[in-house]
C-alpha atoms as a PDB file:
ATOM      1  CA  MET A   1       0.733  49.703  10.653  1.00  0.00           C
ATOM      2  CA  LEU A   2       2.655  51.586  13.304  1.00  0.00           C
ATOM      3  CA  ASP A   3       4.654  48.540  14.357  1.00  0.00           C
ATOM      4  CA  TRP A   4       5.304  47.798  10.694  1.00  0.00           C
ATOM      5  CA  LEU A   5       6.940  51.225  10.204  1.00  0.00           C
ATOM      6  CA  GLY A   6       9.211  50.670  13.202  1.00  0.00           C
ATOM      7  CA  TRP A   7      10.282  47.253  11.924  1.00  0.00           C
ATOM      8  CA  VAL A   8      10.962  48.611   8.432  1.00  0.00           C
ATOM      9  CA  ALA A   9      13.051  51.426   9.895  1.00  0.00           C
ATOM     10  CA  THR A  10      15.018  48.878  11.917  1.00  0.00           C
ATOM     11  CA  ALA A  11      15.592  46.652   8.874  1.00  0.00           C
ATOM     12  CA  VAL A  12      16.690  49.561   6.681  1.00  0.00           C
ATOM     13  CA  PHE A  13      19.120  50.805   9.315  1.00  0.00           C
ATOM     14  CA  ALA A  14      20.543  47.325   9.926  1.00  0.00           C
ATOM     15  CA  SER A  15      20.962  46.757   6.184  1.00  0.00           C
ATOM     16  CA  SER A  16      23.174  49.847   5.945  1.00  0.00           C
ATOM     17  CA  TYR A  17      26.016  47.835   7.464  1.00  0.00           C
ATOM     18  CA  PHE A  18      26.110  45.606   4.392  1.00  0.00           C
ATOM     19  CA  PHE A  19      27.217  48.508   2.184  1.00  0.00           C
ATOM     20  CA  LYS A  20      30.947  48.912   1.719  1.00  0.00           C
ATOM     21  CA  GLN A  21      30.854  52.382   0.189  1.00  0.00           C
ATOM     22  CA  GLN A  22      30.599  55.093   2.837  1.00  0.00           C
ATOM     23  CA  VAL A  23      28.280  57.240   0.721  1.00  0.00           C
ATOM     24  CA  ALA A  24      25.810  54.390   0.283  1.00  0.00           C
ATOM     25  CA  LEU A  25      25.962  53.536   3.985  1.00  0.00           C
ATOM     26  CA  ARG A  26      25.243  57.141   4.981  1.00  0.00           C
ATOM     27  CA  ARG A  27      22.394  57.488   2.502  1.00  0.00           C
ATOM     28  CA  ILE A  28      20.741  54.329   3.778  1.00  0.00           C
ATOM     29  CA  GLN A  29      21.222  55.478   7.374  1.00  0.00           C
ATOM     30  CA  ALA A  30      19.697  58.861   6.520  1.00  0.00           C
ATOM     31  CA  GLY A  31      16.698  57.122   4.965  1.00  0.00           C
ATOM     32  CA  ALA A  32      16.288  54.887   7.994  1.00  0.00           C
ATOM     33  CA  ALA A  33      16.525  57.885  10.318  1.00  0.00           C
ATOM     34  CA  LEU A  34      13.784  59.625   8.334  1.00  0.00           C
ATOM     35  CA  LEU A  35      11.613  56.530   8.729  1.00  0.00           C
ATOM     36  CA  TRP A  36      12.285  56.725  12.468  1.00  0.00           C
ATOM     37  CA  VAL A  37      11.284  60.403  12.405  1.00  0.00           C
ATOM     38  CA  ALA A  38       7.944  59.409  10.864  1.00  0.00           C
ATOM     39  CA  TYR A  39       7.540  56.651  13.443  1.00  0.00           C
ATOM     40  CA  GLY A  40       8.389  59.010  16.306  1.00  0.00           C
ATOM     41  CA  ALA A  41       5.916  61.585  15.032  1.00  0.00           C
ATOM     42  CA  MET A  42       3.177  58.958  14.805  1.00  0.00           C
ATOM     43  CA  ILE A  43       3.725  57.799  18.379  1.00  0.00           C
ATOM     44  CA  HIS A  44       4.141  61.382  19.633  1.00  0.00           C
ATOM     45  CA  ALA A  45       7.695  60.817  20.879  1.00  0.00           C
ATOM     46  CA  PRO A  46       9.712  64.038  20.488  1.00  0.00           C
ATOM     47  CA  PRO A  47      13.003  62.443  21.638  1.00  0.00           C
ATOM     48  CA  VAL A  48      12.748  59.857  18.832  1.00  0.00           C
ATOM     49  CA  VAL A  49      11.982  62.587  16.302  1.00  0.00           C
ATOM     50  CA  VAL A  50      14.784  64.916  17.416  1.00  0.00           C
ATOM     51  CA  ALA A  51      17.423  62.201  17.782  1.00  0.00           C
ATOM     52  CA  ASN A  52      16.722  60.860  14.320  1.00  0.00           C
ATOM     53  CA  LEU A  53      16.575  64.322  12.741  1.00  0.00           C
ATOM     54  CA  VAL A  54      20.091  64.808  14.104  1.00  0.00           C
ATOM     55  CA  VAL A  55      21.220  61.440  12.707  1.00  0.00           C
ATOM     56  CA  ALA A  56      19.626  62.097   9.300  1.00  0.00           C
ATOM     57  CA  SER A  57      21.116  65.594   9.142  1.00  0.00           C
ATOM     58  CA  MET A  58      24.595  64.353   9.979  1.00  0.00           C
ATOM     59  CA  ALA A  59      24.361  61.491   7.491  1.00  0.00           C
ATOM     60  CA  ILE A  60      23.222  63.838   4.743  1.00  0.00           C
ATOM     61  CA  TRP A  61      25.779  66.490   5.685  1.00  0.00           C
ATOM     62  CA  SER A  62      28.645  63.987   5.704  1.00  0.00           C
ATOM     63  CA  THR A  63      27.533  62.679   2.309  1.00  0.00           C
ATOM     64  CA  VAL A  64      27.438  66.129   0.744  1.00  0.00           C
ATOM     65  CA  PHE A  65      30.519  67.552   2.451  1.00  0.00           C
ATOM     66  CA  ARG A  66      32.888  64.599   2.494  1.00  0.00           C
ATOM     67  CA  ARG A  67      36.417  65.191   3.745  1.00  0.00           C
ATOM     68  CA  GLY A  68      38.386  67.118   1.154  1.00  0.00           C
ATOM     69  CA  GLU A  69      35.352  67.697  -1.066  1.00  0.00           C
ATOM     70  CA  VAL A  70      32.984  70.610  -0.770  1.00  0.00           C
END
């Protein structure tokens, strides 16, 4: 199951590049990063968890606070 989660996270992240709308791309990337956080937690890899928490936070932040819109 652990490998499965990693592969799903990879597929979700890769699929984000098929979205043309920036908001959709960032939301998919945030979701993928959260899957990676779960994967990193399961394999006890703090760098994976922290790096993907940063990515998910930035993706969510940039979706909520887009340029010119607050």
